[in-house]
Amino acid sequence: MYYLNFSFVSTQKDYVLREESVKYKANERYKDNLFRFIFGREENKQNLLDLYNALNNSNYRNKDDLEINTLDNVIYMRMKNDVSFVLDNQMVLLEHQSKYNPNMPLRGFLYFAKLYETRLATEMNLKNIYYPKLIKIPTPQYIVLYNGTDRKIGESITLKLSDAFEDNDKPEGYEWTAKMININVGKNKELLLKCKILGEYSSFVECVRKYSKINKDFTIAIDNAVNECIEKGILKDFLTKYSAEVKNMLLTEFDEEKDWAIIAKGFEEIGYEKGIEKGKKEGIKEGIKEGMKNIINMMLSNGTSKETILKQMNISNEEYDDLIN
């Protein structure tokens, strides 16, 4: 275990390091988060099929008809929150989110483009899209399963890509949506009852949340939640078999979430404020670049490895070298 001690405070002259320590536990063995571990692995395909049936009021029975095709290392996104699969001519993307993010339609749009590109490349020559013959593709379905604490979500909301358009006054044209469904305890009860494993997952998350409010030591909070859920029969077999993996995944998620909060805050304060200061002469773009450079330097000064910086900042080796040089 090591510590990243970076945060950002704006002053009139510069941005200085605030004394704020964030635990970061790196564990490369547990790259999946808990949601993907339960629903996105080949050995757990029955869970995924049950979830699909509950979401679509369908009754598919053969789990082997379901083809998991989740992509890794897709640009712009940290993909370990996603599960994608093909079933009966449908291409389905399920994303789990604990934070409200209005950019989900854009993320899904980019993800599906990569999925279709990959599928076409493996099944036929991509050049065929230029031939005068219609190519059939699986029908897309994009659902975001939300278990955060933002009350404005309600039971569900539909996010639209058109909300991000620079000129969104024109009703005609392209549209792409992400349906966000609230899976917190007390929300969408019918769905949680139809998919037993999803309902128990929701209850477990709620239990972890309860103990994290009681005990500031998140490790102890996880232990208490795991023990209580096993006693109550919530994810009992799963937690009994994979308790070590679950604890490591939750600790990593918790620590990364805190890291991302600090990086996002620093990016906003350094990047955008610097950009505004530069004004029309150099533009906000240059200010953001300078902000990223400052964040990287702060991470390096705190002993963060280059590999971790590339992952957390979501930049390439070339971009990294350009920023630090």
Protein backbone atom coordinates (compact mmCIF):
# COMPACT_ATOMS: atom_id res chain seq x y z
CA MET A 1 0.00 0.00 0.00
CA TYR A 2 1.23 3.48 -0.77
CA TYR A 3 -0.20 6.97 -0.60
CA LEU A 4 -1.08 9.62 -3.11
CA ASN A 5 -1.00 12.91 -1.26
CA PHE A 6 -2.21 15.22 -3.97
CA SER A 7 -5.11 17.62 -4.16
CA PHE A 8 -5.48 21.10 -5.56
CA VAL A 9 -6.16 24.55 -4.17
CA SER A 10 -6.42 27.57 -6.42
CA THR A 11 -4.71 30.83 -5.53
CA GLN A 12 -4.26 34.02 -7.50
CA LYS A 13 -0.67 33.13 -8.36
CA ASP A 14 -0.56 29.36 -8.55
CA TYR A 15 -2.03 26.06 -7.47
CA VAL A 16 -0.49 24.40 -4.47
CA LEU A 17 -0.65 20.98 -2.92
CA ARG A 18 -3.21 20.52 -0.18
CA GLU A 19 -2.44 18.11 2.65
CA GLU A 20 -4.92 15.43 1.79
CA SER A 21 -3.98 11.76 1.81
CA VAL A 22 -5.81 9.16 -0.17
CA LYS A 23 -5.18 5.46 0.26
CA TYR A 24 -4.65 3.62 -2.97
CA LYS A 25 -4.44 -0.16 -2.91
CA ALA A 26 -3.20 -1.50 -6.23
CA ASN A 27 -4.10 -5.10 -6.93
CA GLU A 28 -3.71 -6.20 -10.52
CA ARG A 29 -5.36 -9.58 -9.80
CA TYR A 30 -8.75 -7.96 -9.42
CA LYS A 31 -9.30 -5.84 -12.50
CA ASP A 32 -13.03 -6.53 -12.63
CA ASN A 33 -15.38 -4.61 -10.43
CA LEU A 34 -17.99 -6.51 -8.43
CA PHE A 35 -20.81 -6.01 -10.95
CA ARG A 36 -18.78 -7.35 -13.85
CA PHE A 37 -17.46 -10.18 -11.67
CA ILE A 38 -21.01 -11.33 -10.95
CA PHE A 39 -22.54 -10.77 -14.38
CA GLY A 40 -19.73 -10.52 -16.92
CA ARG A 41 -17.74 -13.71 -16.56
CA GLU A 42 -18.23 -16.82 -18.67
CA GLU A 43 -18.77 -18.96 -15.58
CA ASN A 44 -21.58 -16.62 -14.48
CA LYS A 45 -23.44 -16.42 -17.80
CA GLN A 46 -26.63 -17.71 -16.16
CA ASN A 47 -26.69 -14.57 -13.99
CA LEU A 48 -26.39 -12.43 -17.11
CA LEU A 49 -29.13 -14.34 -18.89
CA ASP A 50 -31.43 -13.96 -15.86
CA LEU A 51 -30.73 -10.23 -15.83
CA TYR A 52 -31.48 -9.90 -19.55
CA ASN A 53 -34.76 -11.79 -19.14
CA ALA A 54 -35.78 -9.56 -16.23
CA LEU A 55 -34.98 -6.38 -18.17
CA ASN A 56 -36.81 -7.49 -21.31
CA ASN A 57 -39.64 -9.64 -19.91
CA SER A 58 -38.27 -12.53 -21.97
CA ASN A 59 -37.77 -16.19 -21.20
CA TYR A 60 -34.53 -17.34 -22.78
CA ARG A 61 -33.31 -20.57 -21.17
CA ASN A 62 -30.05 -21.59 -22.82
CA LYS A 63 -27.18 -19.56 -21.39
CA ASP A 64 -24.88 -20.81 -24.16
CA ASP A 65 -26.94 -18.81 -26.68
CA LEU A 66 -25.50 -15.72 -25.03
CA GLU A 67 -22.17 -14.54 -26.45
CA ILE A 68 -20.20 -12.21 -24.17
CA ASN A 69 -18.16 -9.77 -26.27
CA THR A 70 -17.03 -7.16 -23.73
CA LEU A 71 -14.13 -5.09 -25.05
CA ASP A 72 -11.10 -4.10 -23.00
CA ASN A 73 -8.86 -1.06 -23.25
CA VAL A 74 -11.28 0.95 -25.38
CA ILE A 75 -10.21 4.55 -25.84
CA TYR A 76 -11.92 7.23 -23.73
CA MET A 77 -13.40 4.71 -21.29
CA ARG A 78 -12.41 2.56 -18.38
CA MET A 79 -14.17 -0.55 -19.51
CA LYS A 80 -14.21 -2.65 -16.35
CA ASN A 81 -17.68 -1.35 -15.50
CA ASP A 82 -19.17 -2.70 -18.73
CA VAL A 83 -20.67 -5.99 -19.86
CA SER A 84 -21.64 -6.43 -23.50
CA PHE A 85 -23.06 -9.47 -25.23
CA VAL A 86 -25.05 -10.72 -28.22
CA LEU A 87 -28.27 -12.69 -27.87
CA ASP A 88 -30.82 -13.46 -30.59
CA ASN A 89 -29.69 -10.73 -32.99
CA GLN A 90 -29.43 -8.12 -30.22
CA MET A 91 -26.20 -6.40 -29.20
CA VAL A 92 -26.62 -5.44 -25.55
CA LEU A 93 -24.43 -3.17 -23.44
CA LEU A 94 -25.02 -3.05 -19.69
CA GLU A 95 -23.08 -0.49 -17.73
CA HIS A 96 -23.10 -0.18 -13.97
CA GLN A 97 -22.68 3.29 -12.49
CA SER A 98 -22.48 4.55 -8.92
CA LYS A 99 -22.19 8.18 -10.06
CA TYR A 100 -24.57 10.11 -12.28
CA ASN A 101 -22.84 10.91 -15.56
CA PRO A 102 -24.64 12.82 -18.34
CA ASN A 103 -22.06 11.58 -20.85
CA MET A 104 -23.35 8.00 -20.84
CA PRO A 105 -25.02 8.29 -24.28
CA LEU A 106 -21.73 9.47 -25.80
CA ARG A 107 -19.79 6.72 -24.07
CA GLY A 108 -22.26 4.10 -25.28
CA PHE A 109 -22.21 5.54 -28.80
CA LEU A 110 -18.42 5.23 -28.99
CA TYR A 111 -18.47 1.79 -27.43
CA PHE A 112 -21.05 0.42 -29.86
CA ALA A 113 -19.12 1.83 -32.80
CA LYS A 114 -16.11 -0.18 -31.66
CA LEU A 115 -18.24 -3.29 -31.07
CA TYR A 116 -19.72 -3.15 -34.57
CA GLU A 117 -16.33 -2.45 -36.12
CA THR A 118 -14.85 -5.47 -34.34
CA ARG A 119 -17.76 -7.72 -35.30
CA LEU A 120 -17.67 -6.70 -38.95
CA ALA A 121 -13.91 -7.18 -39.08
CA THR A 122 -14.18 -10.74 -37.78
CA GLU A 123 -17.20 -11.79 -39.83
CA MET A 124 -16.49 -10.06 -43.14
CA ASN A 125 -14.24 -7.59 -44.87
CA LEU A 126 -14.91 -4.08 -43.54
CA LYS A 127 -14.68 -2.82 -47.13
CA ASN A 128 -18.06 -4.45 -47.73
CA ILE A 129 -19.75 -1.45 -46.12
CA TYR A 130 -18.95 0.48 -49.32
CA TYR A 131 -20.72 -2.05 -51.55
CA PRO A 132 -24.34 -1.41 -52.59
CA LYS A 133 -25.76 -4.19 -50.44
CA LEU A 134 -27.34 -3.70 -47.04
CA ILE A 135 -25.34 -5.26 -44.21
CA LYS A 136 -27.44 -6.55 -41.33
CA ILE A 137 -26.18 -5.86 -37.81
CA PRO A 138 -27.47 -6.85 -34.35
CA THR A 139 -30.01 -4.42 -32.87
CA PRO A 140 -28.41 -2.32 -30.11
CA GLN A 141 -29.74 -2.10 -26.57
CA TYR A 142 -27.97 0.19 -24.10
CA ILE A 143 -28.90 0.15 -20.41
CA VAL A 144 -27.16 1.82 -17.48
CA LEU A 145 -27.82 0.24 -14.08
CA TYR A 146 -27.44 2.94 -11.47
CA ASN A 147 -26.97 2.46 -7.72
CA GLY A 148 -25.72 5.89 -6.64
CA THR A 149 -27.39 8.25 -4.19
CA ASP A 150 -28.54 11.05 -6.52
CA ARG A 151 -32.27 11.37 -5.83
CA LYS A 152 -33.05 13.07 -9.13
CA ILE A 153 -32.70 9.73 -10.92
CA GLY A 154 -35.99 8.39 -9.52
CA GLU A 155 -36.98 5.00 -10.93
CA SER A 156 -35.34 5.60 -14.30
CA ILE A 157 -34.41 8.31 -16.76
CA THR A 158 -33.51 8.37 -20.44
CA LEU A 159 -30.38 10.29 -21.35
CA LYS A 160 -30.11 11.62 -24.91
CA LEU A 161 -27.03 12.20 -27.00
CA SER A 162 -28.72 15.23 -28.56
CA ASP A 163 -28.44 17.02 -25.20
CA ALA A 164 -24.71 17.23 -25.89
CA PHE A 165 -25.06 18.69 -29.39
CA GLU A 166 -23.61 22.17 -29.77
CA ASP A 167 -26.66 23.11 -31.82
CA ASN A 168 -29.48 21.19 -30.14
CA ASP A 169 -32.33 23.43 -31.24
CA LYS A 170 -32.92 21.34 -34.33
CA PRO A 171 -35.26 18.40 -33.56
CA GLU A 172 -34.43 16.53 -36.77
CA GLY A 173 -31.40 14.33 -37.14
CA TYR A 174 -29.58 11.65 -35.25
CA GLU A 175 -30.52 10.46 -31.77
CA TRP A 176 -28.96 7.92 -29.42
CA THR A 177 -30.14 7.17 -25.91
CA ALA A 178 -29.03 5.50 -22.70
CA LYS A 179 -31.74 4.22 -20.41
CA MET A 180 -30.62 4.61 -16.81
CA ILE A 181 -32.43 2.29 -14.38
CA ASN A 182 -32.16 2.78 -10.62
CA ILE A 183 -31.32 -0.53 -8.90
CA ASN A 184 -31.09 0.80 -5.36
CA VAL A 185 -33.07 -0.98 -2.66
CA GLY A 186 -36.68 0.27 -2.84
CA LYS A 187 -36.48 1.19 -6.54
CA ASN A 188 -37.76 -0.91 -9.45
CA LYS A 189 -38.89 -3.63 -7.06
CA GLU A 190 -40.38 -5.78 -9.81
CA LEU A 191 -37.05 -5.91 -11.65
CA LEU A 192 -35.11 -6.78 -8.49
CA LEU A 193 -37.59 -9.54 -7.70
CA LYS A 194 -37.46 -10.96 -11.22
CA CYS A 195 -33.67 -11.12 -11.18
CA LYS A 196 -32.82 -12.55 -7.75
CA ILE A 197 -29.07 -12.12 -8.11
CA LEU A 198 -29.50 -8.41 -9.03
CA GLY A 199 -31.76 -7.88 -6.03
CA GLU A 200 -29.20 -9.47 -3.72
CA TYR A 201 -26.40 -7.45 -5.31
CA SER A 202 -28.42 -4.30 -4.62
CA SER A 203 -28.95 -5.35 -0.99
CA PHE A 204 -25.25 -6.07 -0.55
CA VAL A 205 -24.27 -2.64 -1.91
CA GLU A 206 -26.77 -1.05 0.48
CA CYS A 207 -25.24 -3.02 3.36
CA VAL A 208 -21.72 -1.88 2.45
CA ARG A 209 -22.99 1.70 2.27
CA LYS A 210 -24.59 1.35 5.72
CA TYR A 211 -21.42 0.10 7.39
CA SER A 212 -19.21 2.65 5.62
CA LYS A 213 -21.22 5.38 7.34
CA ILE A 214 -20.72 3.72 10.72
CA ASN A 215 -17.03 2.90 10.40
CA LYS A 216 -14.50 5.17 8.70
CA ASP A 217 -12.20 2.19 8.13
CA PHE A 218 -13.59 0.89 4.84
CA THR A 219 -11.85 -2.45 5.28
CA ILE A 220 -13.81 -3.11 8.47
CA ALA A 221 -17.00 -1.85 6.82
CA ILE A 222 -16.61 -4.37 4.00
CA ASP A 223 -15.92 -7.21 6.44
CA ASN A 224 -19.04 -6.35 8.44
CA ALA A 225 -21.19 -6.13 5.31
CA VAL A 226 -19.91 -9.45 3.94
CA ASN A 227 -20.51 -11.21 7.28
CA GLU A 228 -24.02 -9.77 7.67
CA CYS A 229 -25.05 -10.68 4.14
CA ILE A 230 -23.76 -14.23 4.48
CA GLU A 231 -25.72 -14.60 7.73
CA LYS A 232 -28.89 -13.30 6.03
CA GLY A 233 -28.42 -15.43 2.92
CA ILE A 234 -27.72 -12.45 0.65
CA LEU A 235 -25.26 -13.56 -2.07
CA LYS A 236 -24.34 -16.24 0.47
CA ASP A 237 -22.75 -18.79 -1.86
CA PHE A 238 -21.01 -16.12 -3.90
CA LEU A 239 -19.60 -14.21 -0.90
CA THR A 240 -18.55 -17.41 0.84
CA LYS A 241 -16.65 -18.60 -2.23
CA TYR A 242 -15.19 -15.27 -3.34
CA SER A 243 -14.95 -13.22 -0.12
CA ALA A 244 -11.26 -12.36 -0.63
CA GLU A 245 -11.83 -11.29 -4.24
CA VAL A 246 -14.89 -9.24 -3.30
CA LYS A 247 -13.01 -7.38 -0.56
CA ASN A 248 -10.09 -6.59 -2.86
CA MET A 249 -12.38 -5.41 -5.66
CA LEU A 250 -14.36 -3.14 -3.35
CA LEU A 251 -11.23 -1.70 -1.76
CA THR A 252 -9.75 -0.98 -5.18
CA GLU A 253 -12.99 0.60 -6.42
CA PHE A 254 -13.28 2.71 -3.27
CA ASP A 255 -9.70 3.95 -3.49
CA GLU A 256 -9.87 4.62 -7.23
CA GLU A 257 -13.11 6.56 -6.80
CA LYS A 258 -11.39 8.85 -4.28
CA ASP A 259 -8.39 9.23 -6.58
CA TRP A 260 -10.62 10.14 -9.51
CA ALA A 261 -12.49 12.70 -7.42
CA ILE A 262 -9.21 14.44 -6.61
CA ILE A 263 -7.95 14.25 -10.20
CA ALA A 264 -11.25 15.62 -11.54
CA LYS A 265 -11.21 18.47 -9.04
CA GLY A 266 -7.60 19.29 -9.84
CA PHE A 267 -8.26 19.12 -13.57
CA GLU A 268 -11.17 21.49 -13.25
CA GLU A 269 -9.43 23.98 -10.99
CA ILE A 270 -6.07 23.95 -12.73
CA GLY A 271 -7.08 23.28 -16.31
CA TYR A 272 -10.16 25.38 -16.75
CA GLU A 273 -9.12 28.30 -14.54
CA LYS A 274 -5.75 28.47 -16.23
CA GLY A 275 -7.53 28.30 -19.57
CA ILE A 276 -9.82 31.15 -18.65
CA GLU A 277 -6.81 33.19 -17.51
CA LYS A 278 -5.15 32.68 -20.85
CA GLY A 279 -8.33 33.84 -22.56
CA LYS A 280 -8.55 34.28 -26.29
CA LYS A 281 -4.79 34.50 -26.82
CA GLU A 282 -4.04 30.88 -26.05
CA GLY A 283 -7.49 29.47 -25.39
CA ILE A 284 -8.97 27.08 -22.90
CA LYS A 285 -7.46 24.11 -24.71
CA GLU A 286 -3.93 25.19 -23.85
CA GLY A 287 -4.98 25.87 -20.28
CA ILE A 288 -6.36 22.36 -19.91
CA LYS A 289 -3.13 20.94 -21.34
CA GLU A 290 -1.16 22.92 -18.79
CA GLY A 291 -3.48 21.65 -16.08
CA MET A 292 -2.90 18.05 -17.10
CA LYS A 293 0.83 18.64 -17.03
CA ASN A 294 0.61 20.02 -13.50
CA ILE A 295 -1.50 17.05 -12.35
CA ILE A 296 1.01 14.59 -13.82
CA ASN A 297 3.89 16.38 -12.12
CA MET A 298 2.06 16.24 -8.81
CA MET A 299 1.38 12.53 -9.23
CA LEU A 300 5.03 11.90 -10.06
CA SER A 301 6.17 13.88 -7.04
CA ASN A 302 4.04 11.57 -4.90
CA GLY A 303 5.67 8.44 -6.28
CA THR A 304 2.93 7.44 -8.71
CA SER A 305 4.22 5.15 -11.45
CA LYS A 306 3.99 6.08 -15.12
CA GLU A 307 1.74 3.07 -15.75
CA THR A 308 -0.74 4.22 -13.11
CA ILE A 309 -0.71 7.78 -14.48
CA LEU A 310 -1.46 6.54 -18.01
CA LYS A 311 -4.39 4.55 -16.66
CA GLN A 312 -5.81 7.21 -14.36
CA MET A 313 -5.39 10.08 -16.83
CA ASN A 314 -6.43 7.89 -19.78
CA ILE A 315 -3.60 9.10 -22.03
CA SER A 316 -1.14 7.38 -24.37
CA ASN A 317 2.64 7.15 -24.00
CA GLU A 318 3.00 9.77 -26.71
CA GLU A 319 0.62 12.17 -24.97
CA TYR A 320 2.42 11.58 -21.69
CA ASP A 321 5.83 12.35 -23.22
CA ASP A 322 4.44 15.45 -24.91
CA LEU A 323 2.97 16.75 -21.65
CA ILE A 324 6.01 16.23 -19.42
CA ASN A 325 8.40 17.56 -22.06
